[in-house]
């Protein structure tokens, strides 16, 4: 006849089993958390049948993050295309009034990425129906179409700016991450084809952006005394060759007919912000002018610079950057936040100095 084990013995086996189950489930969630979040951000409707949010009217200030009206002693302008701040979910493309996305631009992106250029020009930064973060995590055709759709707003904003606000002044084009990809097409379609605009372009900076080295939209910046040129780079941690391979394998660049297509196996352009040139020469940390974490600072406040934080070199089409020493220069936040442009700028002071040098070179030219 079978006997029932005493209750204390059952409890002794039950506790380790529960602990093991919880560890197993926790490990599974940790491993697949990115996939789970990415799936949650999928609009789950084909882009072809998707109805985008209402578009901007660039004649109204509400369609701009930044649009100065007061007279300025600055000689130039800066046309800034913002990086991704919208995670996704119901929409492929963000509403212009998406509160969290707009707040992230104002508190994180503008202080860190517009800040280096406020000393050289008036800043014009349009709101646009940006493609969601989800579109940057997949190579689906829907995602590509959402990103191509976003370009239409940026193009319209630039045309409005040139026709109504620029007044014949020299200008910079600056784009970060998704904004850098859109700015690359803007340079090819609107600037390179217009000799007058091309002559007024001081320089273009495409931050965290992959651009084909064999067909850049305009000539690359090969020295600091050069004007009217392109500075584009995509950073990785030094020596992380797996990350470099993934970055280039998944990079999308514009075709001649306005589609986003895979870069591979073409080479990518790499400009070194410390040296101010497209070169494979290494830049030691002693030449690094300064990083900054300007997140949360009031607009216009100048952040403290942290010099000699990183060294960098171009290799295989990407910028290999050493890990910074300061804990304030490390990516943090949610899964989504860690996949957007960081809440700091490793080359803040370097870009500020470079932009001033380009403007001086443009004047001399």
Protein backbone atom coordinates (compact mmCIF):
# COMPACT_ATOMS: atom_id res chain seq x y z
CA UNK A 1 0.00 0.00 0.00
CA UNK A 2 1.39 3.45 -0.94
CA UNK A 3 2.08 5.97 1.74
CA UNK A 4 1.62 9.73 1.52
CA UNK A 5 4.85 11.64 2.30
CA UNK A 6 4.63 13.90 5.30
CA UNK A 7 3.71 17.57 4.57
CA UNK A 8 7.06 19.08 5.69
CA UNK A 9 8.90 16.93 3.15
CA UNK A 10 6.63 18.09 0.33
CA UNK A 11 7.27 21.72 1.29
CA UNK A 12 11.03 21.13 1.22
CA UNK A 13 10.77 20.05 -2.44
CA UNK A 14 8.19 22.68 -3.38
CA UNK A 15 10.27 25.75 -2.45
CA UNK A 16 13.33 24.89 -4.60
CA UNK A 17 11.00 24.04 -7.50
CA UNK A 18 9.29 27.42 -7.28
CA UNK A 19 12.62 29.24 -7.05
CA UNK A 20 13.88 27.32 -10.09
CA UNK A 21 10.73 28.14 -12.05
CA UNK A 22 10.98 31.83 -11.20
CA UNK A 23 14.65 31.92 -12.21
CA UNK A 24 13.80 30.21 -15.48
CA UNK A 25 10.99 32.67 -16.22
CA UNK A 26 13.15 35.63 -15.21
CA UNK A 27 15.97 34.52 -17.49
CA UNK A 28 13.54 34.07 -20.37
CA UNK A 29 12.06 37.55 -19.88
CA UNK A 30 15.55 39.09 -19.69
CA UNK A 31 16.69 37.34 -22.86
CA UNK A 32 13.60 38.16 -24.88
CA UNK A 33 12.66 41.50 -23.29
CA UNK A 34 13.76 43.50 -26.32
CA UNK A 35 11.67 41.33 -28.63
CA UNK A 36 8.67 41.66 -26.31
CA UNK A 37 8.94 45.46 -26.18
CA UNK A 38 9.54 45.70 -29.91
CA UNK A 39 6.47 43.57 -30.60
CA UNK A 40 4.40 45.78 -28.29
CA UNK A 41 5.48 48.86 -30.30
CA UNK A 42 4.46 47.30 -33.64
CA UNK A 43 1.39 49.17 -34.99
CA UNK A 44 0.14 45.82 -36.35
CA UNK A 45 -1.46 47.45 -39.38
CA UNK A 46 0.11 47.56 -42.87
CA UNK A 47 1.52 50.98 -43.70
CA UNK A 48 -0.33 50.86 -47.02
CA UNK A 49 -3.69 50.98 -45.17
CA UNK A 50 -2.48 53.19 -42.32
CA UNK A 51 -3.86 56.72 -42.01
CA UNK A 52 -1.04 59.03 -40.85
CA UNK A 53 -1.71 61.83 -38.34
CA UNK A 54 -2.53 65.31 -39.72
CA UNK A 55 0.44 67.08 -41.30
CA UNK A 56 2.18 70.30 -40.25
CA UNK A 57 1.56 73.84 -41.47
CA UNK A 58 5.03 75.33 -41.43
CA UNK A 59 3.60 78.82 -41.69
CA UNK A 60 2.60 78.44 -38.01
CA UNK A 61 5.00 78.48 -35.08
CA UNK A 62 3.29 75.39 -33.64
CA UNK A 63 4.87 73.35 -36.44
CA UNK A 64 8.37 74.18 -35.17
CA UNK A 65 10.30 73.18 -32.09
CA UNK A 66 12.50 76.23 -32.64
CA UNK A 67 11.85 79.14 -34.98
CA UNK A 68 13.40 82.49 -34.02
CA UNK A 69 11.80 85.77 -35.00
CA UNK A 70 13.88 88.37 -33.16
CA UNK A 71 16.87 89.95 -34.92
CA UNK A 72 20.13 88.13 -34.26
CA UNK A 73 23.76 89.21 -34.38
CA UNK A 74 24.68 85.73 -35.61
CA UNK A 75 25.63 85.56 -39.25
CA UNK A 76 24.37 82.07 -40.09
CA UNK A 77 21.38 79.75 -39.56
CA UNK A 78 21.14 76.13 -38.46
CA UNK A 79 18.46 73.86 -39.92
CA UNK A 80 18.16 71.01 -37.40
CA UNK A 81 16.40 67.69 -38.05
CA UNK A 82 15.57 66.00 -34.74
CA UNK A 83 16.31 62.38 -33.85
CA UNK A 84 13.70 59.81 -32.86
CA UNK A 85 11.78 60.63 -29.69
CA UNK A 86 8.56 58.67 -30.43
CA UNK A 87 8.58 55.01 -29.34
CA UNK A 88 5.60 53.75 -31.36
CA UNK A 89 2.53 51.68 -30.61
CA UNK A 90 -0.65 52.68 -32.42
CA UNK A 91 1.11 54.81 -35.04
CA UNK A 92 3.86 54.25 -37.59
CA UNK A 93 4.51 57.99 -37.51
CA UNK A 94 4.23 60.33 -34.54
CA UNK A 95 1.53 62.92 -34.06
CA UNK A 96 2.91 66.45 -34.01
CA UNK A 97 1.43 66.94 -30.52
CA UNK A 98 2.79 63.72 -29.00
CA UNK A 99 3.55 65.01 -25.51
CA UNK A 100 6.18 62.56 -24.32
CA UNK A 101 8.05 62.70 -27.64
CA UNK A 102 8.04 66.50 -27.67
CA UNK A 103 9.11 66.68 -24.03
CA UNK A 104 12.03 64.36 -24.75
CA UNK A 105 13.16 66.64 -27.55
CA UNK A 106 12.99 69.71 -25.31
CA UNK A 107 14.65 68.14 -22.26
CA UNK A 108 17.15 65.73 -23.84
CA UNK A 109 17.79 66.12 -27.56
CA UNK A 110 17.82 69.91 -27.95
CA UNK A 111 20.22 70.65 -25.07
CA UNK A 112 22.66 67.95 -26.15
CA UNK A 113 22.53 68.14 -29.95
CA UNK A 114 21.29 71.61 -30.87
CA UNK A 115 23.42 73.19 -28.13
CA UNK A 116 26.79 72.91 -29.93
CA UNK A 117 25.46 75.08 -32.78
CA UNK A 118 23.68 77.93 -31.02
CA UNK A 119 26.87 80.01 -31.05
CA UNK A 120 27.09 79.96 -34.87
CA UNK A 121 23.53 80.52 -36.03
CA UNK A 122 19.82 80.96 -35.45
CA UNK A 123 18.28 77.51 -35.04
CA UNK A 124 15.26 76.34 -37.03
CA UNK A 125 14.02 72.91 -35.92
CA UNK A 126 10.78 71.65 -37.49
CA UNK A 127 8.38 69.21 -35.93
CA UNK A 128 7.68 66.37 -38.32
CA UNK A 129 5.75 63.13 -38.34
CA UNK A 130 8.81 61.14 -37.39
CA UNK A 131 8.89 57.40 -37.93
CA UNK A 132 8.62 55.55 -34.64
CA UNK A 133 11.50 53.89 -32.83
CA UNK A 134 9.99 50.56 -33.89
CA UNK A 135 10.78 51.35 -37.54
CA UNK A 136 14.47 51.55 -36.62
CA UNK A 137 14.43 48.05 -35.10
CA UNK A 138 13.15 46.19 -38.16
CA UNK A 139 13.91 46.02 -41.88
CA UNK A 140 10.26 45.43 -42.83
CA UNK A 141 9.01 47.24 -45.90
CA UNK A 142 6.31 48.93 -43.78
CA UNK A 143 9.01 50.46 -41.59
CA UNK A 144 10.94 51.73 -44.59
CA UNK A 145 7.81 53.35 -45.98
CA UNK A 146 7.14 55.09 -42.67
CA UNK A 147 10.65 56.54 -42.71
CA UNK A 148 10.29 57.58 -46.35
CA UNK A 149 6.99 59.24 -45.47
CA UNK A 150 8.69 61.28 -42.71
CA UNK A 151 11.04 62.79 -45.29
CA UNK A 152 8.14 64.61 -46.96
CA UNK A 153 7.61 66.76 -43.87
CA UNK A 154 11.30 67.56 -43.51
CA UNK A 155 11.55 68.54 -47.18
CA UNK A 156 8.49 70.82 -46.87
CA UNK A 157 9.92 72.43 -43.72
CA UNK A 158 13.25 73.10 -45.40
CA UNK A 159 11.61 74.64 -48.45
CA UNK A 160 9.50 76.89 -46.22
CA UNK A 161 12.57 77.89 -44.22
CA UNK A 162 14.56 78.76 -47.38
CA UNK A 163 11.68 80.70 -48.97
CA UNK A 164 10.37 82.52 -45.89
CA UNK A 165 12.96 82.66 -43.11
CA UNK A 166 16.49 82.27 -44.46
CA UNK A 167 16.77 85.58 -46.28
CA UNK A 168 19.89 84.56 -48.22
CA UNK A 169 21.97 83.81 -45.13
CA UNK A 170 24.64 81.08 -44.93
CA UNK A 171 23.32 77.97 -43.18
CA UNK A 172 24.26 74.67 -41.59
CA UNK A 173 22.27 71.44 -41.87
CA UNK A 174 22.38 69.24 -38.77
CA UNK A 175 20.61 65.89 -38.33
CA UNK A 176 20.84 63.25 -35.64
CA UNK A 177 20.12 59.51 -36.05
CA UNK A 178 16.78 59.27 -37.96
CA UNK A 179 17.05 63.00 -38.54
CA UNK A 180 20.52 62.46 -39.99
CA UNK A 181 19.22 59.97 -42.53
CA UNK A 182 16.47 62.39 -43.56
CA UNK A 183 18.95 65.27 -43.73
CA UNK A 184 21.17 63.18 -46.03
CA UNK A 185 18.39 63.00 -48.60
CA UNK A 186 17.66 66.69 -48.09
CA UNK A 187 21.25 67.49 -49.00
CA UNK A 188 21.09 65.31 -52.11
CA UNK A 189 17.68 66.49 -53.34
CA UNK A 190 17.50 70.14 -52.28
CA UNK A 191 21.03 71.45 -51.73
CA UNK A 192 23.38 69.60 -54.08
CA UNK A 193 21.11 70.26 -57.08
CA UNK A 194 20.81 74.01 -56.43
CA UNK A 195 24.10 75.91 -57.02
CA UNK A 196 22.89 78.91 -55.01
CA UNK A 197 21.98 76.86 -51.94
CA UNK A 198 25.10 74.76 -52.28
CA UNK A 199 27.17 77.94 -52.21
CA UNK A 200 25.47 79.13 -49.00
CA UNK A 201 25.87 75.81 -47.17
CA UNK A 202 28.55 76.20 -44.48
CA UNK A 203 28.64 72.51 -43.50
CA UNK A 204 26.39 69.56 -42.76
CA UNK A 205 26.71 67.39 -39.64
CA UNK A 206 24.96 64.01 -39.66
CA UNK A 207 25.37 62.60 -36.15
CA UNK A 208 25.00 58.85 -35.51
CA UNK A 209 24.26 58.45 -39.21
CA UNK A 210 25.47 55.98 -41.83
CA UNK A 211 26.17 57.53 -45.24
CA UNK A 212 27.63 55.64 -48.23
CA UNK A 213 31.29 56.57 -48.75
CA UNK A 214 31.10 55.85 -52.47
CA UNK A 215 28.18 58.24 -53.07
CA UNK A 216 27.81 60.87 -50.30
CA UNK A 217 25.18 63.58 -50.95
CA UNK A 218 27.89 66.27 -50.90
CA UNK A 219 31.69 66.24 -50.63
CA UNK A 220 33.04 65.00 -47.26
CA UNK A 221 34.99 67.26 -44.90
CA UNK A 222 38.59 66.08 -45.25
CA UNK A 223 40.12 69.02 -43.35
CA UNK A 224 38.95 71.66 -40.86
CA UNK A 225 39.61 74.62 -43.17
CA UNK A 226 37.01 73.29 -45.64
CA UNK A 227 33.48 74.67 -46.05
CA UNK A 228 30.35 73.40 -47.81
CA UNK A 229 31.15 69.81 -46.87
CA UNK A 230 29.72 66.79 -45.04
CA UNK A 231 30.62 65.36 -41.62
CA UNK A 232 28.90 62.02 -40.94
CA UNK A 233 29.75 59.26 -38.51
CA UNK A 234 28.21 56.26 -36.73
CA UNK A 235 29.89 55.41 -33.39
CA UNK A 236 30.46 52.10 -31.60
CA UNK A 237 32.48 51.17 -28.53
CA UNK A 238 36.10 50.61 -29.47
CA UNK A 239 36.82 47.06 -30.56
CA UNK A 240 33.19 45.91 -30.64
CA UNK A 241 33.44 44.47 -34.12
CA UNK A 242 30.20 42.50 -33.73
CA UNK A 243 28.36 45.76 -33.10
CA UNK A 244 30.06 47.31 -36.14
CA UNK A 245 28.98 44.40 -38.33
CA UNK A 246 25.37 44.58 -37.07
CA UNK A 247 25.28 48.34 -37.55
CA UNK A 248 26.45 48.21 -41.16
CA UNK A 249 24.41 45.12 -42.05
CA UNK A 250 21.20 46.83 -40.92
CA UNK A 251 22.02 50.34 -42.17
CA UNK A 252 19.63 51.80 -44.73
CA UNK A 253 20.64 54.55 -47.17
CA UNK A 254 18.80 56.38 -49.95
CA UNK A 255 18.73 55.18 -53.53
CA UNK A 256 18.66 57.57 -56.48
CA UNK A 257 14.88 57.13 -56.81
CA UNK A 258 14.18 57.98 -53.16
CA UNK A 259 13.89 54.56 -51.54
CA UNK A 260 15.69 53.27 -48.45
CA UNK A 261 17.87 50.28 -49.28
CA UNK A 262 20.57 48.29 -47.51
CA UNK A 263 24.02 49.85 -47.46
CA UNK A 264 25.86 46.50 -47.46
CA UNK A 265 28.17 45.63 -49.06
CA UNK A 266 29.08 49.25 -49.85
CA UNK A 267 31.51 51.17 -47.58
CA UNK A 268 30.32 53.76 -45.07
CA UNK A 269 31.68 57.27 -44.58
CA UNK A 270 33.43 58.01 -41.27
CA UNK A 271 34.33 61.51 -40.08
CA UNK A 272 36.26 61.89 -36.84
CA UNK A 273 34.78 64.70 -34.68
CA UNK A 274 37.98 65.10 -32.65
CA UNK A 275 40.17 65.62 -35.73
CA UNK A 276 37.53 67.28 -37.89
CA UNK A 277 38.31 65.13 -40.91
CA UNK A 278 37.52 61.95 -42.79
CA UNK A 279 40.65 60.03 -41.88
CA UNK A 280 41.76 56.73 -40.38
CA UNK A 281 44.31 58.57 -38.23
CA UNK A 282 43.60 57.91 -34.53
CA UNK A 283 42.61 60.82 -32.30
CA UNK A 284 44.09 60.53 -28.77
CA UNK A 285 42.09 61.60 -25.73
CA UNK A 286 44.40 64.60 -25.14
CA UNK A 287 42.88 66.22 -28.26
CA UNK A 288 39.28 65.68 -27.11
CA UNK A 289 37.86 69.13 -26.35
CA UNK A 290 34.93 68.00 -24.30
CA UNK A 291 31.80 65.93 -23.81
CA UNK A 292 28.69 67.26 -22.06
CA UNK A 293 25.55 65.92 -20.43
CA UNK A 294 23.13 68.78 -20.91
CA UNK A 295 19.93 66.82 -20.24
CA UNK A 296 17.49 68.85 -18.17
CA UNK A 297 19.35 72.14 -18.50
CA UNK A 298 17.34 75.25 -19.31
CA UNK A 299 17.43 76.17 -22.97
CA UNK A 300 20.45 78.33 -23.68
CA UNK A 301 22.35 77.29 -20.55
CA UNK A 302 25.92 76.31 -21.33
CA UNK A 303 26.86 72.87 -19.94
CA UNK A 304 30.11 72.01 -18.22
CA UNK A 305 32.56 70.32 -20.58
CA UNK A 306 34.41 67.13 -19.70
CA UNK A 307 37.61 67.13 -21.75
CA UNK A 308 39.90 64.20 -22.53
CA UNK A 309 37.12 61.69 -21.92
CA UNK A 310 37.48 59.60 -25.09
CA UNK A 311 39.77 58.77 -27.95
CA UNK A 312 38.45 57.74 -31.36
CA UNK A 313 39.46 56.37 -34.74
CA UNK A 314 37.69 55.47 -37.97
CA UNK A 315 37.88 51.82 -39.00
CA UNK A 316 35.72 49.82 -41.37
CA UNK A 317 33.32 52.73 -41.90
CA UNK A 318 32.46 53.27 -38.21
CA UNK A 319 33.87 55.48 -35.47
CA UNK A 320 35.49 53.40 -32.73
CA UNK A 321 35.19 55.36 -29.48
CA UNK A 322 36.69 54.41 -26.12
CA UNK A 323 34.32 54.23 -23.17
CA UNK A 324 34.12 57.60 -21.39
CA UNK A 325 35.42 57.92 -17.86
CA UNK A 326 32.51 59.87 -16.38
CA UNK A 327 29.41 57.96 -15.21
CA UNK A 328 27.25 60.80 -16.55
CA UNK A 329 28.30 59.80 -20.09
CA UNK A 330 26.82 56.30 -20.02
CA UNK A 331 23.57 55.32 -21.72
CA UNK A 332 20.70 54.72 -19.29
CA UNK A 333 16.93 54.61 -19.10
CA UNK A 334 14.37 52.20 -20.49
CA UNK A 335 14.90 49.70 -23.29
CA UNK A 336 13.50 52.30 -25.71
CA UNK A 337 15.61 55.17 -24.35
CA UNK A 338 18.81 53.14 -24.73
CA UNK A 339 18.08 52.72 -28.43
CA UNK A 340 17.67 56.42 -29.14
CA UNK A 341 20.32 59.09 -29.41
CA UNK A 342 22.02 59.22 -25.98
CA UNK A 343 21.12 61.84 -23.38
CA UNK A 344 24.61 63.31 -23.67
CA UNK A 345 26.98 64.41 -26.42
CA UNK A 346 30.50 62.93 -26.39
CA UNK A 347 31.73 65.56 -28.86
CA UNK A 348 29.81 68.66 -27.76
CA UNK A 349 32.81 71.01 -27.52
CA UNK A 350 34.50 69.46 -30.56
CA UNK A 351 31.44 70.11 -32.73
CA UNK A 352 31.09 73.66 -31.42
CA UNK A 353 34.70 74.43 -32.31
CA UNK A 354 34.44 72.70 -35.67
CA UNK A 355 31.31 74.65 -36.66
CA UNK A 356 33.04 77.95 -35.84
CA UNK A 357 36.04 76.91 -37.94
CA UNK A 358 33.77 75.95 -40.87
CA UNK A 359 32.02 79.32 -40.71
CA UNK A 360 35.38 81.10 -40.77
CA UNK A 361 36.40 78.99 -43.76
CA UNK A 362 33.12 79.81 -45.51
CA UNK A 363 33.76 83.53 -45.01
CA UNK A 364 37.29 83.22 -46.34
CA UNK A 365 36.07 81.27 -49.35
